[in-house]
């Protein structure tokens, strides 16, 4: 219940969004169509501040639950990983405030992921709903699905993420060392925690590096004629994201790109304008 997938899907399936909050006063009056453009402008002007994020309050979720319960018999709330945010806890508290009979109508799933990784869980839930599965069965399927979602991220500048406290100083130093010798570190999510998952040497740019990572990690499945679903989120490099999408669809048979979306503002202030994130999962 954030915005890990594109607005068209949100509107089509009447999804509610409970946004994580961002506080960055220095950006409010800067020019730019999105947060990333404003971040670049802040750098040009020598602004040294960093954005801060905070989880939605239980009341934020409570309001969304009440609204959705007026429309649907039961609702499923999928949250950003509980290992990086208190969002899941806020949602659980909100459910506990509802009347007892309404509490039984709300189901909360921890995606153990972020951005497009969470988005793939959203799409899986939609698939199961359209296949006529009961809510309880959908939740069980999602709990099996979640640990199998793979997410890779590559970024040019580590300072935003380091300032947020979402990665350790040790990991930040490692990333900088790798960058100095021409190696692009790959950041990913393991068991809900943001961590280093590998390196990519020789890639001329981030989209190419992510493509080769995906190609290598899905090769065995594709050789078995398995279908792969991919989702992409990006900073302010739309051209690079479109090129990544085209490479995947042209070169990797049986692989679909479900959506390409702008990284949401809150995650964006953590990873910076030059970031690309890719998530994938075998279609079952």
C-alpha atoms as a PDB file:
ATOM      1  CA  UNK A   1       0.000   0.000   0.000  1.00  0.00           C
ATOM      2  CA  UNK A   2       2.602   2.466  -1.221  1.00  0.00           C
ATOM      3  CA  UNK A   3       3.368   3.134  -4.866  1.00  0.00           C
ATOM      4  CA  UNK A   4       5.743   0.367  -5.954  1.00  0.00           C
ATOM      5  CA  UNK A   5       3.891  -0.115  -9.258  1.00  0.00           C
ATOM      6  CA  UNK A   6       2.643   2.259 -11.923  1.00  0.00           C
ATOM      7  CA  UNK A   7      -0.355   4.511 -11.451  1.00  0.00           C
ATOM      8  CA  UNK A   8      -2.301   2.800 -14.234  1.00  0.00           C
ATOM      9  CA  UNK A   9      -2.318  -0.502 -12.336  1.00  0.00           C
ATOM     10  CA  UNK A  10      -3.244   1.244  -9.087  1.00  0.00           C
ATOM     11  CA  UNK A  11      -6.238   2.892 -10.716  1.00  0.00           C
ATOM     12  CA  UNK A  12      -7.345  -0.180 -12.679  1.00  0.00           C
ATOM     13  CA  UNK A  13      -7.518  -2.389  -9.601  1.00  0.00           C
ATOM     14  CA  UNK A  14      -8.748   0.276  -7.166  1.00  0.00           C
ATOM     15  CA  UNK A  15      -5.693  -0.076  -4.952  1.00  0.00           C
ATOM     16  CA  UNK A  16      -5.202   2.218  -1.979  1.00  0.00           C
ATOM     17  CA  UNK A  17      -1.789   3.755  -1.334  1.00  0.00           C
ATOM     18  CA  UNK A  18      -0.515   4.652   2.131  1.00  0.00           C
ATOM     19  CA  UNK A  19       2.656   6.655   1.488  1.00  0.00           C
ATOM     20  CA  UNK A  20       5.781   6.673   3.575  1.00  0.00           C
ATOM     21  CA  UNK A  21       6.487  10.264   4.615  1.00  0.00           C
ATOM     22  CA  UNK A  22       9.368  12.411   3.422  1.00  0.00           C
ATOM     23  CA  UNK A  23      10.775  15.499   5.103  1.00  0.00           C
ATOM     24  CA  UNK A  24      13.191  17.627   3.073  1.00  0.00           C
ATOM     25  CA  UNK A  25      12.313  21.345   3.347  1.00  0.00           C
ATOM     26  CA  UNK A  26      15.296  22.435   1.258  1.00  0.00           C
ATOM     27  CA  UNK A  27      13.779  20.764  -1.823  1.00  0.00           C
ATOM     28  CA  UNK A  28      10.295  22.241  -1.615  1.00  0.00           C
ATOM     29  CA  UNK A  29      10.963  25.432  -3.586  1.00  0.00           C
ATOM     30  CA  UNK A  30      13.553  24.067  -6.011  1.00  0.00           C
ATOM     31  CA  UNK A  31      12.666  23.648  -9.702  1.00  0.00           C
ATOM     32  CA  UNK A  32      12.129  20.185 -11.113  1.00  0.00           C
ATOM     33  CA  UNK A  33       9.356  17.849 -12.203  1.00  0.00           C
ATOM     34  CA  UNK A  34      10.291  15.135  -9.701  1.00  0.00           C
ATOM     35  CA  UNK A  35      12.389  14.580  -6.597  1.00  0.00           C
ATOM     36  CA  UNK A  36      15.426  13.458  -8.593  1.00  0.00           C
ATOM     37  CA  UNK A  37      15.581  16.657 -10.636  1.00  0.00           C
ATOM     38  CA  UNK A  38      15.265  18.650  -7.438  1.00  0.00           C
ATOM     39  CA  UNK A  39      18.112  16.625  -5.903  1.00  0.00           C
ATOM     40  CA  UNK A  40      20.344  17.475  -8.846  1.00  0.00           C
ATOM     41  CA  UNK A  41      19.451  21.148  -8.487  1.00  0.00           C
ATOM     42  CA  UNK A  42      20.274  20.973  -4.772  1.00  0.00           C
ATOM     43  CA  UNK A  43      23.721  19.599  -5.625  1.00  0.00           C
ATOM     44  CA  UNK A  44      24.308  22.429  -8.116  1.00  0.00           C
ATOM     45  CA  UNK A  45      23.445  24.963  -5.439  1.00  0.00           C
ATOM     46  CA  UNK A  46      25.688  23.333  -2.859  1.00  0.00           C
ATOM     47  CA  UNK A  47      22.851  22.298  -0.557  1.00  0.00           C
ATOM     48  CA  UNK A  48      24.297  19.686   1.802  1.00  0.00           C
ATOM     49  CA  UNK A  49      21.140  18.483   3.527  1.00  0.00           C
ATOM     50  CA  UNK A  50      19.602  15.039   3.052  1.00  0.00           C
ATOM     51  CA  UNK A  51      15.994  13.959   3.069  1.00  0.00           C
ATOM     52  CA  UNK A  52      14.502  12.088   6.000  1.00  0.00           C
ATOM     53  CA  UNK A  53      11.760   9.489   5.809  1.00  0.00           C
ATOM     54  CA  UNK A  54       9.302   8.152   8.340  1.00  0.00           C
ATOM     55  CA  UNK A  55       6.739   5.384   8.335  1.00  0.00           C
ATOM     56  CA  UNK A  56       3.012   6.016   7.930  1.00  0.00           C
ATOM     57  CA  UNK A  57       1.147   6.311  11.217  1.00  0.00           C
ATOM     58  CA  UNK A  58      -1.400   3.715  12.322  1.00  0.00           C
ATOM     59  CA  UNK A  59      -4.060   6.360  11.637  1.00  0.00           C
ATOM     60  CA  UNK A  60      -2.922   6.610   8.023  1.00  0.00           C
ATOM     61  CA  UNK A  61      -3.551   2.898   7.608  1.00  0.00           C
ATOM     62  CA  UNK A  62      -6.726   2.994   9.649  1.00  0.00           C
ATOM     63  CA  UNK A  63      -8.233   5.608   7.342  1.00  0.00           C
ATOM     64  CA  UNK A  64      -7.277   3.553   4.277  1.00  0.00           C
ATOM     65  CA  UNK A  65      -8.638   0.329   5.770  1.00  0.00           C
ATOM     66  CA  UNK A  66     -11.978   1.909   6.615  1.00  0.00           C
ATOM     67  CA  UNK A  67     -12.314   3.362   3.129  1.00  0.00           C
ATOM     68  CA  UNK A  68     -11.483   0.099   1.380  1.00  0.00           C
ATOM     69  CA  UNK A  69     -13.751  -1.946   3.658  1.00  0.00           C
ATOM     70  CA  UNK A  70     -16.664   0.142   2.441  1.00  0.00           C
ATOM     71  CA  UNK A  71     -15.974  -1.139  -1.082  1.00  0.00           C
ATOM     72  CA  UNK A  72     -14.567  -4.641  -0.622  1.00  0.00           C
ATOM     73  CA  UNK A  73     -15.545  -7.571   1.580  1.00  0.00           C
ATOM     74  CA  UNK A  74     -11.890  -8.308   2.421  1.00  0.00           C
ATOM     75  CA  UNK A  75      -8.627  -6.473   1.764  1.00  0.00           C
ATOM     76  CA  UNK A  76      -4.983  -7.471   1.497  1.00  0.00           C
ATOM     77  CA  UNK A  77      -2.346  -4.950   2.551  1.00  0.00           C
ATOM     78  CA  UNK A  78       1.182  -5.557   1.217  1.00  0.00           C
ATOM     79  CA  UNK A  79       3.874  -3.480   2.900  1.00  0.00           C
ATOM     80  CA  UNK A  80       7.510  -2.591   2.395  1.00  0.00           C
ATOM     81  CA  UNK A  81       9.916  -4.897   4.242  1.00  0.00           C
ATOM     82  CA  UNK A  82       9.557  -4.781   8.009  1.00  0.00           C
ATOM     83  CA  UNK A  83      13.348  -5.098   8.304  1.00  0.00           C
ATOM     84  CA  UNK A  84      13.860  -1.554   6.978  1.00  0.00           C
ATOM     85  CA  UNK A  85      10.694   0.246   8.026  1.00  0.00           C
ATOM     86  CA  UNK A  86       8.037   0.263  10.735  1.00  0.00           C
ATOM     87  CA  UNK A  87       5.335   0.379   8.056  1.00  0.00           C
ATOM     88  CA  UNK A  88       4.261  -3.233   8.625  1.00  0.00           C
ATOM     89  CA  UNK A  89       3.971  -2.538  12.358  1.00  0.00           C
ATOM     90  CA  UNK A  90       1.840   0.558  11.732  1.00  0.00           C
ATOM     91  CA  UNK A  91      -0.486  -1.448   9.510  1.00  0.00           C
ATOM     92  CA  UNK A  92      -0.792  -4.162  12.165  1.00  0.00           C
ATOM     93  CA  UNK A  93      -1.589  -1.593  14.843  1.00  0.00           C
ATOM     94  CA  UNK A  94      -4.253  -0.061  12.624  1.00  0.00           C
ATOM     95  CA  UNK A  95      -5.922  -3.413  12.079  1.00  0.00           C
ATOM     96  CA  UNK A  96      -6.015  -3.904  15.844  1.00  0.00           C
ATOM     97  CA  UNK A  97      -7.978  -0.668  16.245  1.00  0.00           C
ATOM     98  CA  UNK A  98     -10.754  -1.816  13.919  1.00  0.00           C
ATOM     99  CA  UNK A  99     -13.886  -3.452  15.237  1.00  0.00           C
ATOM    100  CA  UNK A 100     -13.323  -7.157  15.891  1.00  0.00           C
ATOM    101  CA  UNK A 101     -15.484  -8.226  12.958  1.00  0.00           C
ATOM    102  CA  UNK A 102     -13.564  -5.871  10.634  1.00  0.00           C
ATOM    103  CA  UNK A 103     -10.175  -7.074  11.853  1.00  0.00           C
ATOM    104  CA  UNK A 104     -11.024 -10.467  10.347  1.00  0.00           C
ATOM    105  CA  UNK A 105     -11.480  -8.790   6.953  1.00  0.00           C
ATOM    106  CA  UNK A 106      -7.955  -7.275   6.801  1.00  0.00           C
ATOM    107  CA  UNK A 107      -4.911  -9.364   5.890  1.00  0.00           C
ATOM    108  CA  UNK A 108      -1.403  -7.897   6.071  1.00  0.00           C
ATOM    109  CA  UNK A 109       1.555  -9.324   4.146  1.00  0.00           C
ATOM    110  CA  UNK A 110       5.181  -8.286   4.670  1.00  0.00           C
ATOM    111  CA  UNK A 111       6.755  -8.136   1.192  1.00  0.00           C
ATOM    112  CA  UNK A 112      10.257  -8.372   2.691  1.00  0.00           C
ATOM    113  CA  UNK A 113      11.218  -6.153  -0.235  1.00  0.00           C
ATOM    114  CA  UNK A 114      11.216  -2.617  -1.598  1.00  0.00           C
ATOM    115  CA  UNK A 115      10.291  -0.752  -4.767  1.00  0.00           C
ATOM    116  CA  UNK A 116       9.642  -3.028  -7.750  1.00  0.00           C
ATOM    117  CA  UNK A 117      10.342  -6.079  -5.578  1.00  0.00           C
ATOM    118  CA  UNK A 118       7.264  -5.216  -3.554  1.00  0.00           C
ATOM    119  CA  UNK A 119       5.493  -4.448  -6.829  1.00  0.00           C
ATOM    120  CA  UNK A 120       5.925  -8.032  -8.023  1.00  0.00           C
ATOM    121  CA  UNK A 121       4.091  -9.224  -4.914  1.00  0.00           C
ATOM    122  CA  UNK A 122       1.298  -6.786  -5.741  1.00  0.00           C
ATOM    123  CA  UNK A 123       1.051  -8.229  -9.243  1.00  0.00           C
ATOM    124  CA  UNK A 124       1.023 -11.781  -7.891  1.00  0.00           C
ATOM    125  CA  UNK A 125      -1.892 -10.882  -5.644  1.00  0.00           C
ATOM    126  CA  UNK A 126      -3.739  -9.435  -8.646  1.00  0.00           C
ATOM    127  CA  UNK A 127      -3.106 -12.628 -10.650  1.00  0.00           C
ATOM    128  CA  UNK A 128      -4.502 -14.774  -7.839  1.00  0.00           C
ATOM    129  CA  UNK A 129      -7.558 -12.556  -7.408  1.00  0.00           C
ATOM    130  CA  UNK A 130      -8.299 -12.760 -11.122  1.00  0.00           C
ATOM    131  CA  UNK A 131      -8.026 -16.562 -10.931  1.00  0.00           C
ATOM    132  CA  UNK A 132     -10.780 -16.544  -8.332  1.00  0.00           C
ATOM    133  CA  UNK A 133      -8.707 -17.569  -5.335  1.00  0.00           C
ATOM    134  CA  UNK A 134     -10.102 -16.970  -1.849  1.00  0.00           C
ATOM    135  CA  UNK A 135      -8.404 -14.268   0.233  1.00  0.00           C
ATOM    136  CA  UNK A 136      -6.922 -16.690   2.758  1.00  0.00           C
ATOM    137  CA  UNK A 137      -5.477 -18.806  -0.044  1.00  0.00           C
ATOM    138  CA  UNK A 138      -3.998 -15.713  -1.703  1.00  0.00           C
ATOM    139  CA  UNK A 139      -2.230 -14.748   1.522  1.00  0.00           C
ATOM    140  CA  UNK A 140      -0.727 -18.236   1.838  1.00  0.00           C
ATOM    141  CA  UNK A 141       0.435 -18.118  -1.774  1.00  0.00           C
ATOM    142  CA  UNK A 142       1.990 -14.683  -1.239  1.00  0.00           C
ATOM    143  CA  UNK A 143       3.884 -15.905   1.823  1.00  0.00           C
ATOM    144  CA  UNK A 144       5.444 -18.603  -0.371  1.00  0.00           C
ATOM    145  CA  UNK A 145       6.035 -16.148  -3.219  1.00  0.00           C
ATOM    146  CA  UNK A 146       7.735 -13.379  -1.235  1.00  0.00           C
ATOM    147  CA  UNK A 147      11.058 -15.148  -0.418  1.00  0.00           C
ATOM    148  CA  UNK A 148      11.556 -15.989  -4.094  1.00  0.00           C
ATOM    149  CA  UNK A 149      11.543 -12.400  -5.365  1.00  0.00           C
ATOM    150  CA  UNK A 150      15.030 -11.269  -6.398  1.00  0.00           C
ATOM    151  CA  UNK A 151      15.977  -7.593  -6.428  1.00  0.00           C
ATOM    152  CA  UNK A 152      19.136  -5.958  -7.756  1.00  0.00           C
ATOM    153  CA  UNK A 153      20.043  -2.297  -7.563  1.00  0.00           C
ATOM    154  CA  UNK A 154      22.977  -0.340  -8.920  1.00  0.00           C
ATOM    155  CA  UNK A 155      23.728   3.300  -8.177  1.00  0.00           C
ATOM    156  CA  UNK A 156      26.437   5.778  -9.084  1.00  0.00           C
ATOM    157  CA  UNK A 157      26.606   7.633  -5.768  1.00  0.00           C
ATOM    158  CA  UNK A 158      26.384   5.957  -2.343  1.00  0.00           C
ATOM    159  CA  UNK A 159      26.189   9.128  -0.253  1.00  0.00           C
ATOM    160  CA  UNK A 160      22.393   9.331  -0.227  1.00  0.00           C
ATOM    161  CA  UNK A 161      21.958   5.796   1.063  1.00  0.00           C
ATOM    162  CA  UNK A 162      24.762   6.159   3.598  1.00  0.00           C
ATOM    163  CA  UNK A 163      23.288   9.377   4.987  1.00  0.00           C
ATOM    164  CA  UNK A 164      19.950   7.642   5.505  1.00  0.00           C
ATOM    165  CA  UNK A 165      21.510   5.054   7.803  1.00  0.00           C
ATOM    166  CA  UNK A 166      19.987   2.215   5.733  1.00  0.00           C
ATOM    167  CA  UNK A 167      23.435   0.745   5.082  1.00  0.00           C
ATOM    168  CA  UNK A 168      26.439   0.505   7.365  1.00  0.00           C
ATOM    169  CA  UNK A 169      29.537   2.698   6.993  1.00  0.00           C
ATOM    170  CA  UNK A 170      31.476  -0.504   6.297  1.00  0.00           C
ATOM    171  CA  UNK A 171      29.277  -1.356   3.318  1.00  0.00           C
ATOM    172  CA  UNK A 172      29.469   2.233   2.056  1.00  0.00           C
ATOM    173  CA  UNK A 173      33.290   2.115   2.154  1.00  0.00           C
ATOM    174  CA  UNK A 174      33.272  -1.186   0.271  1.00  0.00           C
ATOM    175  CA  UNK A 175      31.081   0.302  -2.455  1.00  0.00           C
ATOM    176  CA  UNK A 176      33.434   3.254  -2.887  1.00  0.00           C
ATOM    177  CA  UNK A 177      36.471   0.976  -3.093  1.00  0.00           C
ATOM    178  CA  UNK A 178      34.811  -1.077  -5.821  1.00  0.00           C
ATOM    179  CA  UNK A 179      33.827   2.021  -7.783  1.00  0.00           C
ATOM    180  CA  UNK A 180      37.408   3.303  -7.745  1.00  0.00           C
ATOM    181  CA  UNK A 181      38.674   0.177  -9.515  1.00  0.00           C
ATOM    182  CA  UNK A 182      35.889   0.194 -12.107  1.00  0.00           C
ATOM    183  CA  UNK A 183      33.700  -2.444 -10.517  1.00  0.00           C
ATOM    184  CA  UNK A 184      30.006  -1.790 -10.000  1.00  0.00           C
ATOM    185  CA  UNK A 185      28.664  -3.207  -6.739  1.00  0.00           C
ATOM    186  CA  UNK A 186      25.205  -4.748  -6.791  1.00  0.00           C
ATOM    187  CA  UNK A 187      22.971  -3.947  -3.854  1.00  0.00           C
ATOM    188  CA  UNK A 188      20.056  -6.267  -3.168  1.00  0.00           C
ATOM    189  CA  UNK A 189      17.600  -7.489  -0.584  1.00  0.00           C
ATOM    190  CA  UNK A 190      18.151 -10.697   1.365  1.00  0.00           C
ATOM    191  CA  UNK A 191      15.564 -11.806   3.900  1.00  0.00           C
ATOM    192  CA  UNK A 192      14.197  -8.288   3.917  1.00  0.00           C
ATOM    193  CA  UNK A 193      17.528  -6.559   4.568  1.00  0.00           C
ATOM    194  CA  UNK A 194      19.402  -4.300   2.149  1.00  0.00           C
ATOM    195  CA  UNK A 195      22.858  -5.718   1.575  1.00  0.00           C
ATOM    196  CA  UNK A 196      25.662  -6.272  -0.927  1.00  0.00           C
ATOM    197  CA  UNK A 197      24.966  -9.275  -3.158  1.00  0.00           C
ATOM    198  CA  UNK A 198      27.786  -9.111  -5.689  1.00  0.00           C
ATOM    199  CA  UNK A 199      29.804  -7.085  -8.152  1.00  0.00           C
ATOM    200  CA  UNK A 200      29.707  -6.511 -11.886  1.00  0.00           C
ATOM    201  CA  UNK A 201      32.957  -5.778 -13.678  1.00  0.00           C
ATOM    202  CA  UNK A 202      33.297  -4.480 -17.202  1.00  0.00           C
ATOM    203  CA  UNK A 203      29.759  -3.174 -17.675  1.00  0.00           C
ATOM    204  CA  UNK A 204      29.821   0.074 -19.617  1.00  0.00           C
ATOM    205  CA  UNK A 205      26.824   1.421 -17.724  1.00  0.00           C
ATOM    206  CA  UNK A 206      24.259   0.429 -15.110  1.00  0.00           C
ATOM    207  CA  UNK A 207      21.479  -0.771 -17.465  1.00  0.00           C
ATOM    208  CA  UNK A 208      23.960  -3.079 -19.213  1.00  0.00           C
ATOM    209  CA  UNK A 209      25.269  -4.327 -15.883  1.00  0.00           C
ATOM    210  CA  UNK A 210      21.778  -5.124 -14.621  1.00  0.00           C
ATOM    211  CA  UNK A 211      20.904  -6.864 -17.876  1.00  0.00           C
ATOM    212  CA  UNK A 212      23.928  -9.169 -17.613  1.00  0.00           C
ATOM    213  CA  UNK A 213      23.096  -9.889 -13.964  1.00  0.00           C
ATOM    214  CA  UNK A 214      19.549 -10.869 -14.888  1.00  0.00           C
ATOM    215  CA  UNK A 215      20.695 -12.910 -17.880  1.00  0.00           C
ATOM    216  CA  UNK A 216      23.112 -14.933 -15.757  1.00  0.00           C
ATOM    217  CA  UNK A 217      20.767 -15.497 -12.829  1.00  0.00           C
ATOM    218  CA  UNK A 218      17.809 -16.639 -14.959  1.00  0.00           C
ATOM    219  CA  UNK A 219      19.698 -18.719 -17.551  1.00  0.00           C
ATOM    220  CA  UNK A 220      18.935 -22.125 -16.026  1.00  0.00           C
ATOM    221  CA  UNK A 221      15.250 -21.339 -15.650  1.00  0.00           C
ATOM    222  CA  UNK A 222      14.966 -20.006 -19.196  1.00  0.00           C
ATOM    223  CA  UNK A 223      16.742 -23.092 -20.550  1.00  0.00           C
ATOM    224  CA  UNK A 224      13.945 -25.094 -18.909  1.00  0.00           C
ATOM    225  CA  UNK A 225      11.402 -22.885 -20.725  1.00  0.00           C
ATOM    226  CA  UNK A 226      10.304 -21.218 -17.497  1.00  0.00           C
ATOM    227  CA  UNK A 227       8.665 -17.820 -17.740  1.00  0.00           C
ATOM    228  CA  UNK A 228      10.222 -14.841 -15.934  1.00  0.00           C
ATOM    229  CA  UNK A 229       8.470 -11.644 -14.856  1.00  0.00           C
ATOM    230  CA  UNK A 230      10.591  -8.517 -14.417  1.00  0.00           C
ATOM    231  CA  UNK A 231       9.839  -5.091 -12.983  1.00  0.00           C
ATOM    232  CA  UNK A 232      12.060  -2.013 -13.281  1.00  0.00           C
ATOM    233  CA  UNK A 233      12.164   1.220 -11.328  1.00  0.00           C
ATOM    234  CA  UNK A 234      14.550   4.046 -12.085  1.00  0.00           C
ATOM    235  CA  UNK A 235      15.738   7.513 -11.129  1.00  0.00           C
ATOM    236  CA  UNK A 236      15.583  10.290 -13.701  1.00  0.00           C
ATOM    237  CA  UNK A 237      17.158   8.272 -16.558  1.00  0.00           C
ATOM    238  CA  UNK A 238      14.096   7.209 -18.530  1.00  0.00           C
ATOM    239  CA  UNK A 239      16.166   6.441 -21.629  1.00  0.00           C
ATOM    240  CA  UNK A 240      18.366   4.018 -19.710  1.00  0.00           C
ATOM    241  CA  UNK A 241      15.353   2.237 -18.236  1.00  0.00           C
ATOM    242  CA  UNK A 242      13.704   1.897 -21.642  1.00  0.00           C
ATOM    243  CA  UNK A 243      16.942   0.539 -23.080  1.00  0.00           C
ATOM    244  CA  UNK A 244      17.145  -2.023 -20.266  1.00  0.00           C
ATOM    245  CA  UNK A 245      13.558  -3.076 -20.983  1.00  0.00           C
ATOM    246  CA  UNK A 246      14.277  -3.456 -24.690  1.00  0.00           C
ATOM    247  CA  UNK A 247      17.411  -5.542 -24.059  1.00  0.00           C
ATOM    248  CA  UNK A 248      15.492  -7.889 -21.786  1.00  0.00           C
ATOM    249  CA  UNK A 249      12.538  -8.369 -24.110  1.00  0.00           C
ATOM    250  CA  UNK A 250      14.743  -8.807 -27.191  1.00  0.00           C
ATOM    251  CA  UNK A 251      17.469 -11.033 -25.786  1.00  0.00           C
ATOM    252  CA  UNK A 252      15.803 -13.086 -23.036  1.00  0.00           C
ATOM    253  CA  UNK A 253      13.124 -15.338 -24.485  1.00  0.00           C
ATOM    254  CA  UNK A 254      10.195 -16.008 -22.172  1.00  0.00           C
ATOM    255  CA  UNK A 255      10.884 -12.916 -20.087  1.00  0.00           C
ATOM    256  CA  UNK A 256       8.299 -10.159 -19.734  1.00  0.00           C
ATOM    257  CA  UNK A 257       8.805  -6.698 -18.277  1.00  0.00           C
ATOM    258  CA  UNK A 258       5.621  -6.034 -16.309  1.00  0.00           C
ATOM    259  CA  UNK A 259       6.269  -2.334 -15.798  1.00  0.00           C
ATOM    260  CA  UNK A 260       8.846   0.450 -15.770  1.00  0.00           C
ATOM    261  CA  UNK A 261       8.183   3.067 -13.134  1.00  0.00           C
ATOM    262  CA  UNK A 262       9.827   6.027 -11.452  1.00  0.00           C
ATOM    263  CA  UNK A 263      11.263   5.101  -8.069  1.00  0.00           C
ATOM    264  CA  UNK A 264       8.907   6.555  -5.490  1.00  0.00           C
ATOM    265  CA  UNK A 265      10.043   9.819  -3.912  1.00  0.00           C
ATOM    266  CA  UNK A 266      10.728   8.370  -0.501  1.00  0.00           C
ATOM    267  CA  UNK A 267      13.026   5.605  -1.697  1.00  0.00           C
ATOM    268  CA  UNK A 268      14.448   8.017  -4.260  1.00  0.00           C
ATOM    269  CA  UNK A 269      15.918  10.324  -1.628  1.00  0.00           C
ATOM    270  CA  UNK A 270      17.766   7.319  -0.219  1.00  0.00           C
ATOM    271  CA  UNK A 271      19.339   6.013  -3.420  1.00  0.00           C
ATOM    272  CA  UNK A 272      19.750   9.104  -5.609  1.00  0.00           C
ATOM    273  CA  UNK A 273      18.985  10.144  -9.194  1.00  0.00           C
ATOM    274  CA  UNK A 274      21.342   7.734 -10.996  1.00  0.00           C
ATOM    275  CA  UNK A 275      19.832   4.550  -9.584  1.00  0.00           C
ATOM    276  CA  UNK A 276      18.253   1.640 -11.424  1.00  0.00           C
ATOM    277  CA  UNK A 277      16.444  -1.194  -9.635  1.00  0.00           C
ATOM    278  CA  UNK A 278      15.368  -4.489 -11.180  1.00  0.00           C
ATOM    279  CA  UNK A 279      13.304  -7.255  -9.602  1.00  0.00           C
ATOM    280  CA  UNK A 280      12.402 -10.646 -11.045  1.00  0.00           C
ATOM    281  CA  UNK A 281      10.616 -13.837 -10.166  1.00  0.00           C
ATOM    282  CA  UNK A 282       9.702 -17.035 -11.980  1.00  0.00           C
ATOM    283  CA  UNK A 283       6.070 -16.994 -13.118  1.00  0.00           C
ATOM    284  CA  UNK A 284       4.104 -19.769 -11.388  1.00  0.00           C
END
